[in-house]
Amino acid sequence: MICFDTNIIIYIANGTLGDDIIGDDPIICPSIVHIECLGYPSIKSIEEQRIRELCATLTTIPLTDNIIESAIKLRQYKKMSLGDSIVAATALENNSQLWTVNASDFEHIDGLDILNPLQN
């Protein structure tokens, strides 16, 4: 299973990454990623439409008590953004490989499998 970080969805939507990176593995998307992707005041309508279409094809993972507790522990261990802690906790709680362009933001997390598709 694969967990997409915000930048992966944005890069697919804007063409930096091709749709062909989405293979047969199930893909999950933390609910906060939807907010991060669509929460820009200057987002263009075509970008918003593409992001919404892409997100509709993914399994959205809501914020659960287990994810919350995992995110809290991650933030207590090392300073990180709320969004990153929720994304990492979602990947960990769902035994998923995290796809992100910002691998360095997550490298300190034991047990988190990370892939940067721009480097492969």
PDB file of N, CA and C in Angstrom:
ATOM      1  N   MET A   1       0.853  -1.177   0.000  1.00  0.00           N
ATOM      2  CA  MET A   1       0.000   0.000   0.000  1.00  0.00           C
ATOM      3  C   MET A   1       0.899   1.241   0.000  1.00  0.00           C
ATOM      4  N   ILE A   2       0.424   2.290  -0.661  1.00  0.00           N
ATOM      5  CA  ILE A   2       1.169   3.537  -0.800  1.00  0.00           C
ATOM      6  C   ILE A   2       0.355   4.672  -0.181  1.00  0.00           C
ATOM      7  N   CYS A   3       1.051   5.564   0.505  1.00  0.00           N
ATOM      8  CA  CYS A   3       0.431   6.758   1.083  1.00  0.00           C
ATOM      9  C   CYS A   3       1.028   7.978   0.386  1.00  0.00           C
ATOM     10  N   PHE A   4       0.184   8.793  -0.228  1.00  0.00           N
ATOM     11  CA  PHE A   4       0.651   9.982  -0.924  1.00  0.00           C
ATOM     12  C   PHE A   4       0.745  11.175   0.009  1.00  0.00           C
ATOM     13  N   ASP A   5       1.881  11.866  -0.053  1.00  0.00           N
ATOM     14  CA  ASP A   5       2.032  13.161   0.593  1.00  0.00           C
ATOM     15  C   ASP A   5       1.438  14.222  -0.343  1.00  0.00           C
ATOM     16  N   THR A   6       1.223  15.396   0.183  1.00  0.00           N
ATOM     17  CA  THR A   6       0.615  16.492  -0.563  1.00  0.00           C
ATOM     18  C   THR A   6       1.343  16.778  -1.869  1.00  0.00           C
ATOM     19  N   ASN A   7       2.676  16.833  -1.816  1.00  0.00           N
ATOM     20  CA  ASN A   7       3.421  17.215  -3.015  1.00  0.00           C
ATOM     21  C   ASN A   7       3.263  16.211  -4.146  1.00  0.00           C
ATOM     22  N   ILE A   8       3.016  14.958  -3.842  1.00  0.00           N
ATOM     23  CA  ILE A   8       2.840  13.963  -4.898  1.00  0.00           C
ATOM     24  C   ILE A   8       1.550  14.254  -5.668  1.00  0.00           C
ATOM     25  N   ILE A   9       0.486  14.557  -4.964  1.00  0.00           N
ATOM     26  CA  ILE A   9      -0.780  14.870  -5.636  1.00  0.00           C
ATOM     27  C   ILE A   9      -0.649  16.141  -6.469  1.00  0.00           C
ATOM     28  N   ILE A  10      -0.006  17.144  -5.919  1.00  0.00           N
ATOM     29  CA  ILE A  10       0.185  18.395  -6.665  1.00  0.00           C
ATOM     30  C   ILE A  10       1.036  18.140  -7.909  1.00  0.00           C
ATOM     31  N   TYR A  11       2.086  17.342  -7.781  1.00  0.00           N
ATOM     32  CA  TYR A  11       2.969  17.073  -8.921  1.00  0.00           C
ATOM     33  C   TYR A  11       2.277  16.231  -9.995  1.00  0.00           C
ATOM     34  N   ILE A  12       1.396  15.345  -9.609  1.00  0.00           N
ATOM     35  CA  ILE A  12       0.623  14.606 -10.608  1.00  0.00           C
ATOM     36  C   ILE A  12      -0.359  15.559 -11.288  1.00  0.00           C
ATOM     37  N   ALA A  13      -1.001  16.392 -10.497  1.00  0.00           N
ATOM     38  CA  ALA A  13      -1.994  17.323 -11.044  1.00  0.00           C
ATOM     39  C   ALA A  13      -1.378  18.331 -12.005  1.00  0.00           C
ATOM     40  N   ASN A  14      -0.139  18.771 -11.732  1.00  0.00           N
ATOM     41  CA  ASN A  14       0.459  19.780 -12.614  1.00  0.00           C
ATOM     42  C   ASN A  14       1.356  19.172 -13.691  1.00  0.00           C
ATOM     43  N   GLY A  15       1.455  17.846 -13.734  1.00  0.00           N
ATOM     44  CA  GLY A  15       2.194  17.178 -14.784  1.00  0.00           C
ATOM     45  C   GLY A  15       3.669  16.923 -14.497  1.00  0.00           C
ATOM     46  N   THR A  16       4.165  17.345 -13.349  1.00  0.00           N
ATOM     47  CA  THR A  16       5.561  17.076 -12.996  1.00  0.00           C
ATOM     48  C   THR A  16       5.795  15.564 -12.890  1.00  0.00           C
ATOM     49  N   LEU A  17       4.816  14.862 -12.346  1.00  0.00           N
ATOM     50  CA  LEU A  17       4.817  13.403 -12.317  1.00  0.00           C
ATOM     51  C   LEU A  17       3.675  12.926 -13.214  1.00  0.00           C
ATOM     52  N   GLY A  18       3.913  11.864 -13.949  1.00  0.00           N
ATOM     53  CA  GLY A  18       2.870  11.332 -14.819  1.00  0.00           C
ATOM     54  C   GLY A  18       1.890  10.446 -14.073  1.00  0.00           C
ATOM     55  N   ASP A  19       0.692  10.348 -14.612  1.00  0.00           N
ATOM     56  CA  ASP A  19      -0.328   9.452 -14.044  1.00  0.00           C
ATOM     57  C   ASP A  19       0.157   8.007 -14.018  1.00  0.00           C
ATOM     58  N   ASP A  20       1.128   7.692 -14.862  1.00  0.00           N
ATOM     59  CA  ASP A  20       1.600   6.315 -14.972  1.00  0.00           C
ATOM     60  C   ASP A  20       2.319   5.828 -13.721  1.00  0.00           C
ATOM     61  N   ILE A  21       2.661   6.742 -12.779  1.00  0.00           N
ATOM     62  CA  ILE A  21       3.284   6.258 -11.544  1.00  0.00           C
ATOM     63  C   ILE A  21       2.273   5.541 -10.663  1.00  0.00           C
ATOM     64  N   ILE A  22       0.996   5.766 -10.931  1.00  0.00           N
ATOM     65  CA  ILE A  22      -0.049   5.089 -10.167  1.00  0.00           C
ATOM     66  C   ILE A  22      -0.231   3.707 -10.783  1.00  0.00           C
ATOM     67  N   GLY A  23       0.266   2.736 -10.081  1.00  0.00           N
ATOM     68  CA  GLY A  23       0.197   1.366 -10.563  1.00  0.00           C
ATOM     69  C   GLY A  23      -1.001   0.634  -9.970  1.00  0.00           C
ATOM     70  N   ASP A  24      -0.770  -0.621  -9.635  1.00  0.00           N
ATOM     71  CA  ASP A  24      -1.840  -1.467  -9.116  1.00  0.00           C
ATOM     72  C   ASP A  24      -1.920  -1.489  -7.593  1.00  0.00           C
ATOM     73  N   ASP A  25      -0.902  -0.935  -6.919  1.00  0.00           N
ATOM     74  CA  ASP A  25      -0.930  -0.921  -5.462  1.00  0.00           C
ATOM     75  C   ASP A  25      -2.039  -0.005  -4.963  1.00  0.00           C
ATOM     76  N   PRO A  26      -2.725  -0.398  -3.893  1.00  0.00           N
ATOM     77  CA  PRO A  26      -3.731   0.499  -3.308  1.00  0.00           C
ATOM     78  C   PRO A  26      -3.051   1.783  -2.815  1.00  0.00           C
ATOM     79  N   ILE A  27      -3.692   2.915  -3.030  1.00  0.00           N
ATOM     80  CA  ILE A  27      -3.142   4.204  -2.625  1.00  0.00           C
ATOM     81  C   ILE A  27      -4.093   4.863  -1.647  1.00  0.00           C
ATOM     82  N   ILE A  28      -3.508   5.297  -0.520  1.00  0.00           N
ATOM     83  CA  ILE A  28      -4.291   6.020   0.470  1.00  0.00           C
ATOM     84  C   ILE A  28      -3.833   7.473   0.513  1.00  0.00           C
ATOM     85  N   CYS A  29      -4.713   8.291   1.033  1.00  0.00           N
ATOM     86  CA  CYS A  29      -4.443   9.718   1.109  1.00  0.00           C
ATOM     87  C   CYS A  29      -4.966  10.232   2.451  1.00  0.00           C
ATOM     88  N   PRO A  30      -4.080  10.725   3.318  1.00  0.00           N
ATOM     89  CA  PRO A  30      -4.548  11.280   4.589  1.00  0.00           C
ATOM     90  C   PRO A  30      -5.495  12.449   4.336  1.00  0.00           C
ATOM     91  N   SER A  31      -6.528  12.563   5.141  1.00  0.00           N
ATOM     92  CA  SER A  31      -7.521  13.627   4.936  1.00  0.00           C
ATOM     93  C   SER A  31      -6.882  15.013   4.945  1.00  0.00           C
ATOM     94  N   ILE A  32      -5.848  15.208   5.722  1.00  0.00           N
ATOM     95  CA  ILE A  32      -5.195  16.521   5.771  1.00  0.00           C
ATOM     96  C   ILE A  32      -4.556  16.886   4.433  1.00  0.00           C
ATOM     97  N   VAL A  33      -4.199  15.896   3.635  1.00  0.00           N
ATOM     98  CA  VAL A  33      -3.601  16.160   2.331  1.00  0.00           C
ATOM     99  C   VAL A  33      -4.599  16.870   1.417  1.00  0.00           C
ATOM    100  N   HIS A  34      -5.870  16.511   1.517  1.00  0.00           N
ATOM    101  CA  HIS A  34      -6.902  17.205   0.733  1.00  0.00           C
ATOM    102  C   HIS A  34      -6.911  18.693   1.083  1.00  0.00           C
ATOM    103  N   ILE A  35      -6.841  18.980   2.369  1.00  0.00           N
ATOM    104  CA  ILE A  35      -6.859  20.369   2.834  1.00  0.00           C
ATOM    105  C   ILE A  35      -5.621  21.106   2.332  1.00  0.00           C
ATOM    106  N   GLU A  36      -4.460  20.452   2.461  1.00  0.00           N
ATOM    107  CA  GLU A  36      -3.220  21.090   2.028  1.00  0.00           C
ATOM    108  C   GLU A  36      -3.203  21.327   0.517  1.00  0.00           C
ATOM    109  N   CYS A  37      -3.681  20.375  -0.260  1.00  0.00           N
ATOM    110  CA  CYS A  37      -3.672  20.506  -1.716  1.00  0.00           C
ATOM    111  C   CYS A  37      -4.619  21.598  -2.209  1.00  0.00           C
ATOM    112  N   LEU A  38      -5.768  21.678  -1.600  1.00  0.00           N
ATOM    113  CA  LEU A  38      -6.808  22.584  -2.094  1.00  0.00           C
ATOM    114  C   LEU A  38      -6.904  23.891  -1.317  1.00  0.00           C
ATOM    115  N   GLY A  39      -6.128  24.034  -0.257  1.00  0.00           N
ATOM    116  CA  GLY A  39      -6.277  25.171   0.636  1.00  0.00           C
ATOM    117  C   GLY A  39      -5.489  26.413   0.279  1.00  0.00           C
ATOM    118  N   TYR A  40      -5.083  26.558  -0.953  1.00  0.00           N
ATOM    119  CA  TYR A  40      -4.338  27.744  -1.370  1.00  0.00           C
ATOM    120  C   TYR A  40      -5.301  28.780  -1.940  1.00  0.00           C
ATOM    121  N   PRO A  41      -5.226  30.030  -1.477  1.00  0.00           N
ATOM    122  CA  PRO A  41      -6.136  31.061  -1.977  1.00  0.00           C
ATOM    123  C   PRO A  41      -5.987  31.325  -3.475  1.00  0.00           C
ATOM    124  N   SER A  42      -4.799  31.099  -4.022  1.00  0.00           N
ATOM    125  CA  SER A  42      -4.570  31.416  -5.436  1.00  0.00           C
ATOM    126  C   SER A  42      -4.642  30.188  -6.350  1.00  0.00           C
ATOM    127  N   ILE A  43      -5.233  29.098  -5.856  1.00  0.00           N
ATOM    128  CA  ILE A  43      -5.315  27.894  -6.683  1.00  0.00           C
ATOM    129  C   ILE A  43      -6.187  28.185  -7.904  1.00  0.00           C
ATOM    130  N   LYS A  44      -5.728  27.745  -9.056  1.00  0.00           N
ATOM    131  CA  LYS A  44      -6.471  27.943 -10.296  1.00  0.00           C
ATOM    132  C   LYS A  44      -7.569  26.891 -10.387  1.00  0.00           C
ATOM    133  N   SER A  45      -8.669  27.250 -11.014  1.00  0.00           N
ATOM    134  CA  SER A  45      -9.809  26.338 -11.078  1.00  0.00           C
ATOM    135  C   SER A  45      -9.459  25.031 -11.785  1.00  0.00           C
ATOM    136  N   ILE A  46      -8.613  25.072 -12.803  1.00  0.00           N
ATOM    137  CA  ILE A  46      -8.229  23.856 -13.504  1.00  0.00           C
ATOM    138  C   ILE A  46      -7.391  22.954 -12.591  1.00  0.00           C
ATOM    139  N   GLU A  47      -6.518  23.570 -11.774  1.00  0.00           N
ATOM    140  CA  GLU A  47      -5.723  22.793 -10.813  1.00  0.00           C
ATOM    141  C   GLU A  47      -6.629  22.175  -9.754  1.00  0.00           C
ATOM    142  N   GLU A  48      -7.563  22.952  -9.258  1.00  0.00           N
ATOM    143  CA  GLU A  48      -8.492  22.433  -8.249  1.00  0.00           C
ATOM    144  C   GLU A  48      -9.289  21.259  -8.807  1.00  0.00           C
ATOM    145  N   GLN A  49      -9.774  21.403 -10.029  1.00  0.00           N
ATOM    146  CA  GLN A  49     -10.549  20.329 -10.645  1.00  0.00           C
ATOM    147  C   GLN A  49      -9.712  19.054 -10.781  1.00  0.00           C
ATOM    148  N   ARG A  50      -8.478  19.197 -11.242  1.00  0.00           N
ATOM    149  CA  ARG A  50      -7.605  18.031 -11.431  1.00  0.00           C
ATOM    150  C   ARG A  50      -7.275  17.364 -10.095  1.00  0.00           C
ATOM    151  N   ILE A  51      -7.007  18.166  -9.076  1.00  0.00           N
ATOM    152  CA  ILE A  51      -6.707  17.619  -7.749  1.00  0.00           C
ATOM    153  C   ILE A  51      -7.929  16.886  -7.198  1.00  0.00           C
ATOM    154  N   ARG A  52      -9.104  17.492  -7.341  1.00  0.00           N
ATOM    155  CA  ARG A  52     -10.334  16.827  -6.863  1.00  0.00           C
ATOM    156  C   ARG A  52     -10.576  15.517  -7.592  1.00  0.00           C
ATOM    157  N   GLU A  53     -10.352  15.497  -8.895  1.00  0.00           N
ATOM    158  CA  GLU A  53     -10.518  14.261  -9.671  1.00  0.00           C
ATOM    159  C   GLU A  53      -9.546  13.187  -9.201  1.00  0.00           C
ATOM    160  N   LEU A  54      -8.300  13.580  -9.000  1.00  0.00           N
ATOM    161  CA  LEU A  54      -7.293  12.631  -8.546  1.00  0.00           C
ATOM    162  C   LEU A  54      -7.619  12.102  -7.150  1.00  0.00           C
ATOM    163  N   CYS A  55      -7.970  12.994  -6.239  1.00  0.00           N
ATOM    164  CA  CYS A  55      -8.291  12.583  -4.867  1.00  0.00           C
ATOM    165  C   CYS A  55      -9.497  11.648  -4.825  1.00  0.00           C
ATOM    166  N   ALA A  56     -10.422  11.825  -5.756  1.00  0.00           N
ATOM    167  CA  ALA A  56     -11.606  10.965  -5.796  1.00  0.00           C
ATOM    168  C   ALA A  56     -11.255   9.524  -6.141  1.00  0.00           C
ATOM    169  N   THR A  57     -10.083   9.312  -6.748  1.00  0.00           N
ATOM    170  CA  THR A  57      -9.675   7.951  -7.109  1.00  0.00           C
ATOM    171  C   THR A  57      -8.879   7.265  -5.996  1.00  0.00           C
ATOM    172  N   LEU A  58      -8.535   8.010  -4.951  1.00  0.00           N
ATOM    173  CA  LEU A  58      -7.732   7.485  -3.850  1.00  0.00           C
ATOM    174  C   LEU A  58      -8.619   7.175  -2.648  1.00  0.00           C
ATOM    175  N   THR A  59      -8.129   6.331  -1.773  1.00  0.00           N
ATOM    176  CA  THR A  59      -8.849   6.044  -0.530  1.00  0.00           C
ATOM    177  C   THR A  59      -8.425   7.065   0.516  1.00  0.00           C
ATOM    178  N   THR A  60      -9.374   7.887   0.933  1.00  0.00           N
ATOM    179  CA  THR A  60      -9.090   8.906   1.940  1.00  0.00           C
ATOM    180  C   THR A  60      -9.139   8.275   3.321  1.00  0.00           C
ATOM    181  N   ILE A  61      -8.101   8.527   4.107  1.00  0.00           N
ATOM    182  CA  ILE A  61      -8.022   7.998   5.465  1.00  0.00           C
ATOM    183  C   ILE A  61      -8.355   9.135   6.437  1.00  0.00           C
ATOM    184  N   PRO A  62      -9.436   8.995   7.175  1.00  0.00           N
ATOM    185  CA  PRO A  62      -9.804  10.054   8.124  1.00  0.00           C
ATOM    186  C   PRO A  62      -8.862  10.066   9.329  1.00  0.00           C
ATOM    187  N   LEU A  63      -8.908  11.134  10.048  1.00  0.00           N
ATOM    188  CA  LEU A  63      -8.115  11.287  11.265  1.00  0.00           C
ATOM    189  C   LEU A  63      -8.763  10.440  12.361  1.00  0.00           C
ATOM    190  N   THR A  64      -8.069   9.386  12.781  1.00  0.00           N
ATOM    191  CA  THR A  64      -8.575   8.484  13.816  1.00  0.00           C
ATOM    192  C   THR A  64      -7.828   8.733  15.120  1.00  0.00           C
ATOM    193  N   ASP A  65      -8.325   8.143  16.197  1.00  0.00           N
ATOM    194  CA  ASP A  65      -7.640   8.271  17.488  1.00  0.00           C
ATOM    195  C   ASP A  65      -6.215   7.713  17.420  1.00  0.00           C
ATOM    196  N   ASN A  66      -6.027   6.583  16.731  1.00  0.00           N
ATOM    197  CA  ASN A  66      -4.680   5.996  16.615  1.00  0.00           C
ATOM    198  C   ASN A  66      -3.744   6.907  15.842  1.00  0.00           C
ATOM    199  N   ILE A  67      -4.223   7.499  14.766  1.00  0.00           N
ATOM    200  CA  ILE A  67      -3.394   8.419  13.984  1.00  0.00           C
ATOM    201  C   ILE A  67      -3.058   9.650  14.815  1.00  0.00           C
ATOM    202  N   ILE A  68      -4.020  10.152  15.547  1.00  0.00           N
ATOM    203  CA  ILE A  68      -3.783  11.314  16.415  1.00  0.00           C
ATOM    204  C   ILE A  68      -2.693  11.010  17.431  1.00  0.00           C
ATOM    205  N   GLU A  69      -2.796   9.880  18.110  1.00  0.00           N
ATOM    206  CA  GLU A  69      -1.793   9.517  19.121  1.00  0.00           C
ATOM    207  C   GLU A  69      -0.417   9.315  18.499  1.00  0.00           C
ATOM    208  N   SER A  70      -0.374   8.699  17.329  1.00  0.00           N
ATOM    209  CA  SER A  70       0.895   8.507  16.642  1.00  0.00           C
ATOM    210  C   SER A  70       1.501   9.852  16.230  1.00  0.00           C
ATOM    211  N   ALA A  71       0.678  10.763  15.735  1.00  0.00           N
ATOM    212  CA  ALA A  71       1.155  12.096  15.343  1.00  0.00           C
ATOM    213  C   ALA A  71       1.678  12.869  16.555  1.00  0.00           C
ATOM    214  N   ILE A  72       1.012  12.733  17.681  1.00  0.00           N
ATOM    215  CA  ILE A  72       1.467  13.391  18.912  1.00  0.00           C
ATOM    216  C   ILE A  72       2.856  12.887  19.288  1.00  0.00           C
ATOM    217  N   LYS A  73       3.038  11.572  19.268  1.00  0.00           N
ATOM    218  CA  LYS A  73       4.338  10.995  19.621  1.00  0.00           C
ATOM    219  C   LYS A  73       5.435  11.456  18.653  1.00  0.00           C
ATOM    220  N   LEU A  74       5.106  11.525  17.378  1.00  0.00           N
ATOM    221  CA  LEU A  74       6.086  11.993  16.398  1.00  0.00           C
ATOM    222  C   LEU A  74       6.502  13.431  16.668  1.00  0.00           C
ATOM    223  N   ARG A  75       5.538  14.278  17.014  1.00  0.00           N
ATOM    224  CA  ARG A  75       5.839  15.688  17.287  1.00  0.00           C
ATOM    225  C   ARG A  75       6.584  15.855  18.611  1.00  0.00           C
ATOM    226  N   GLN A  76       6.338  14.962  19.568  1.00  0.00           N
ATOM    227  CA  GLN A  76       7.065  15.019  20.830  1.00  0.00           C
ATOM    228  C   GLN A  76       8.518  14.596  20.641  1.00  0.00           C
ATOM    229  N   TYR A  77       8.738  13.665  19.716  1.00  0.00           N
ATOM    230  CA  TYR A  77      10.080  13.150  19.461  1.00  0.00           C
ATOM    231  C   TYR A  77      10.956  14.185  18.761  1.00  0.00           C
ATOM    232  N   LYS A  78      10.404  14.847  17.759  1.00  0.00           N
ATOM    233  CA  LYS A  78      11.165  15.836  17.000  1.00  0.00           C
ATOM    234  C   LYS A  78      10.200  16.859  16.411  1.00  0.00           C
ATOM    235  N   LYS A  79      10.609  18.113  16.450  1.00  0.00           N
ATOM    236  CA  LYS A  79       9.765  19.171  15.912  1.00  0.00           C
ATOM    237  C   LYS A  79       9.475  18.910  14.435  1.00  0.00           C
ATOM    238  N   MET A  80       8.209  18.897  14.099  1.00  0.00           N
ATOM    239  CA  MET A  80       7.774  18.758  12.712  1.00  0.00           C
ATOM    240  C   MET A  80       6.407  19.392  12.574  1.00  0.00           C
ATOM    241  N   SER A  81       6.020  19.709  11.366  1.00  0.00           N
ATOM    242  CA  SER A  81       4.735  20.368  11.158  1.00  0.00           C
ATOM    243  C   SER A  81       3.594  19.421  11.505  1.00  0.00           C
ATOM    244  N   LEU A  82       2.469  20.003  11.819  1.00  0.00           N
ATOM    245  CA  LEU A  82       1.280  19.206  12.114  1.00  0.00           C
ATOM    246  C   LEU A  82       0.907  18.347  10.914  1.00  0.00           C
ATOM    247  N   GLY A  83       0.929  18.952   9.719  1.00  0.00           N
ATOM    248  CA  GLY A  83       0.587  18.203   8.514  1.00  0.00           C
ATOM    249  C   GLY A  83       1.499  17.017   8.288  1.00  0.00           C
ATOM    250  N   ASP A  84       2.806  17.233   8.401  1.00  0.00           N
ATOM    251  CA  ASP A  84       3.761  16.136   8.207  1.00  0.00           C
ATOM    252  C   ASP A  84       3.580  15.041   9.253  1.00  0.00           C
ATOM    253  N   SER A  85       3.300  15.428  10.487  1.00  0.00           N
ATOM    254  CA  SER A  85       3.122  14.409  11.525  1.00  0.00           C
ATOM    255  C   SER A  85       1.883  13.555  11.249  1.00  0.00           C
ATOM    256  N   ILE A  86       0.829  14.161  10.735  1.00  0.00           N
ATOM    257  CA  ILE A  86      -0.389  13.405  10.415  1.00  0.00           C
ATOM    258  C   ILE A  86      -0.163  12.512   9.200  1.00  0.00           C
ATOM    259  N   VAL A  87       0.532  13.020   8.207  1.00  0.00           N
ATOM    260  CA  VAL A  87       0.838  12.207   7.023  1.00  0.00           C
ATOM    261  C   VAL A  87       1.690  11.005   7.422  1.00  0.00           C
ATOM    262  N   ALA A  88       2.735  11.228   8.189  1.00  0.00           N
ATOM    263  CA  ALA A  88       3.607  10.129   8.619  1.00  0.00           C
ATOM    264  C   ALA A  88       2.848   9.136   9.494  1.00  0.00           C
ATOM    265  N   ALA A  89       2.061   9.641  10.417  1.00  0.00           N
ATOM    266  CA  ALA A  89       1.284   8.759  11.298  1.00  0.00           C
ATOM    267  C   ALA A  89       0.292   7.923  10.496  1.00  0.00           C
ATOM    268  N   THR A  90      -0.313   8.516   9.494  1.00  0.00           N
ATOM    269  CA  THR A  90      -1.253   7.780   8.636  1.00  0.00           C
ATOM    270  C   THR A  90      -0.536   6.661   7.899  1.00  0.00           C
ATOM    271  N   ALA A  91       0.639   6.954   7.359  1.00  0.00           N
ATOM    272  CA  ALA A  91       1.408   5.919   6.664  1.00  0.00           C
ATOM    273  C   ALA A  91       1.800   4.796   7.621  1.00  0.00           C
ATOM    274  N   LEU A  92       2.284   5.164   8.796  1.00  0.00           N
ATOM    275  CA  LEU A  92       2.690   4.156   9.779  1.00  0.00           C
ATOM    276  C   LEU A  92       1.512   3.302  10.232  1.00  0.00           C
ATOM    277  N   GLU A  93       0.414   3.935  10.557  1.00  0.00           N
ATOM    278  CA  GLU A  93      -0.760   3.212  11.067  1.00  0.00           C
ATOM    279  C   GLU A  93      -1.382   2.293  10.024  1.00  0.00           C
ATOM    280  N   ASN A  94      -1.124   2.579   8.749  1.00  0.00           N
ATOM    281  CA  ASN A  94      -1.688   1.769   7.670  1.00  0.00           C
ATOM    282  C   ASN A  94      -0.634   0.916   6.968  1.00  0.00           C
ATOM    283  N   ASN A  95       0.553   0.794   7.592  1.00  0.00           N
ATOM    284  CA  ASN A  95       1.642  -0.021   7.035  1.00  0.00           C
ATOM    285  C   ASN A  95       1.871   0.288   5.559  1.00  0.00           C
ATOM    286  N   SER A  96       1.976   1.571   5.256  1.00  0.00           N
ATOM    287  CA  SER A  96       2.106   2.023   3.874  1.00  0.00           C
ATOM    288  C   SER A  96       3.472   2.653   3.624  1.00  0.00           C
ATOM    289  N   GLN A  97       3.903   2.566   2.393  1.00  0.00           N
ATOM    290  CA  GLN A  97       5.100   3.283   1.964  1.00  0.00           C
ATOM    291  C   GLN A  97       4.687   4.732   1.687  1.00  0.00           C
ATOM    292  N   LEU A  98       5.427   5.665   2.252  1.00  0.00           N
ATOM    293  CA  LEU A  98       5.124   7.083   2.051  1.00  0.00           C
ATOM    294  C   LEU A  98       5.855   7.585   0.817  1.00  0.00           C
ATOM    295  N   TRP A  99       5.084   8.098  -0.137  1.00  0.00           N
ATOM    296  CA  TRP A  99       5.653   8.740  -1.313  1.00  0.00           C
ATOM    297  C   TRP A  99       5.659  10.231  -1.076  1.00  0.00           C
ATOM    298  N   THR A 100       6.830  10.828  -1.139  1.00  0.00           N
ATOM    299  CA  THR A 100       6.982  12.259  -0.922  1.00  0.00           C
ATOM    300  C   THR A 100       8.206  12.766  -1.663  1.00  0.00           C
ATOM    301  N   VAL A 101       8.163  14.025  -2.044  1.00  0.00           N
ATOM    302  CA  VAL A 101       9.326  14.661  -2.644  1.00  0.00           C
ATOM    303  C   VAL A 101      10.220  15.229  -1.540  1.00  0.00           C
ATOM    304  N   ASN A 102       9.667  15.385  -0.358  1.00  0.00           N
ATOM    305  CA  ASN A 102      10.403  15.945   0.783  1.00  0.00           C
ATOM    306  C   ASN A 102      10.813  14.844   1.758  1.00  0.00           C
ATOM    307  N   ALA A 103      11.547  13.866   1.269  1.00  0.00           N
ATOM    308  CA  ALA A 103      11.935  12.721   2.096  1.00  0.00           C
ATOM    309  C   ALA A 103      12.692  13.145   3.348  1.00  0.00           C
ATOM    310  N   SER A 104      13.485  14.200   3.253  1.00  0.00           N
ATOM    311  CA  SER A 104      14.286  14.627   4.404  1.00  0.00           C
ATOM    312  C   SER A 104      13.418  15.058   5.584  1.00  0.00           C
ATOM    313  N   ASP A 105      12.177  15.449   5.335  1.00  0.00           N
ATOM    314  CA  ASP A 105      11.263  15.835   6.415  1.00  0.00           C
ATOM    315  C   ASP A 105      10.832  14.631   7.254  1.00  0.00           C
ATOM    316  N   PHE A 106      11.031  13.432   6.726  1.00  0.00           N
ATOM    317  CA  PHE A 106      10.516  12.229   7.371  1.00  0.00           C
ATOM    318  C   PHE A 106      11.596  11.204   7.720  1.00  0.00           C
ATOM    319  N   GLU A 107      12.833  11.433   7.315  1.00  0.00           N
ATOM    320  CA  GLU A 107      13.889  10.431   7.464  1.00  0.00           C
ATOM    321  C   GLU A 107      14.188  10.052   8.906  1.00  0.00           C
ATOM    322  N   HIS A 108      13.851  10.895   9.857  1.00  0.00           N
ATOM    323  CA  HIS A 108      14.130  10.618  11.268  1.00  0.00           C
ATOM    324  C   HIS A 108      13.137   9.641  11.889  1.00  0.00           C
ATOM    325  N   ILE A 109      12.127   9.237  11.157  1.00  0.00           N
ATOM    326  CA  ILE A 109      11.051   8.413  11.714  1.00  0.00           C
ATOM    327  C   ILE A 109      11.369   6.933  11.496  1.00  0.00           C
ATOM    328  N   ASP A 110      11.630   6.241  12.593  1.00  0.00           N
ATOM    329  CA  ASP A 110      11.922   4.809  12.535  1.00  0.00           C
ATOM    330  C   ASP A 110      10.714   4.039  12.007  1.00  0.00           C
ATOM    331  N   GLY A 111      10.996   3.095  11.126  1.00  0.00           N
ATOM    332  CA  GLY A 111       9.956   2.209  10.629  1.00  0.00           C
ATOM    333  C   GLY A 111       9.139   2.778   9.477  1.00  0.00           C
ATOM    334  N   LEU A 112       9.420   4.013   9.074  1.00  0.00           N
ATOM    335  CA  LEU A 112       8.675   4.618   7.971  1.00  0.00           C
ATOM    336  C   LEU A 112       9.419   4.356   6.667  1.00  0.00           C
ATOM    337  N   ASP A 113       8.760   3.683   5.751  1.00  0.00           N
ATOM    338  CA  ASP A 113       9.307   3.379   4.432  1.00  0.00           C
ATOM    339  C   ASP A 113       8.992   4.562   3.506  1.00  0.00           C
ATOM    340  N   ILE A 114      10.023   5.200   2.970  1.00  0.00           N
ATOM    341  CA  ILE A 114       9.851   6.431   2.195  1.00  0.00           C
ATOM    342  C   ILE A 114      10.379   6.234   0.777  1.00  0.00           C
ATOM    343  N   LEU A 115       9.639   6.775  -0.193  1.00  0.00           N
ATOM    344  CA  LEU A 115      10.077   6.764  -1.577  1.00  0.00           C
ATOM    345  C   LEU A 115       9.855   8.157  -2.170  1.00  0.00           C
ATOM    346  N   ASN A 116      10.880   8.674  -2.834  1.00  0.00           N
ATOM    347  CA  ASN A 116      10.767   9.909  -3.603  1.00  0.00           C
ATOM    348  C   ASN A 116      10.690   9.506  -5.074  1.00  0.00           C
ATOM    349  N   PRO A 117       9.513   9.560  -5.705  1.00  0.00           N
ATOM    350  CA  PRO A 117       9.398   9.099  -7.088  1.00  0.00           C
ATOM    351  C   PRO A 117      10.146   9.959  -8.102  1.00  0.00           C
ATOM    352  N   LEU A 118      10.577  11.151  -7.716  1.00  0.00           N
ATOM    353  CA  LEU A 118      11.384  11.973  -8.612  1.00  0.00           C
ATOM    354  C   LEU A 118      12.820  11.483  -8.691  1.00  0.00           C
ATOM    355  N   GLN A 119      13.224  10.668  -7.723  1.00  0.00           N
ATOM    356  CA  GLN A 119      14.594  10.146  -7.701  1.00  0.00           C
ATOM    357  C   GLN A 119      14.684   8.712  -8.216  1.00  0.00           C
ATOM    358  N   ASN A 120      13.585   8.177  -8.681  1.00  0.00           N
ATOM    359  CA  ASN A 120      13.586   6.788  -9.199  1.00  0.00           C
ATOM    360  C   ASN A 120      13.361   6.769 -10.689  1.00  0.00           C
TER     361      ASN A 120
END
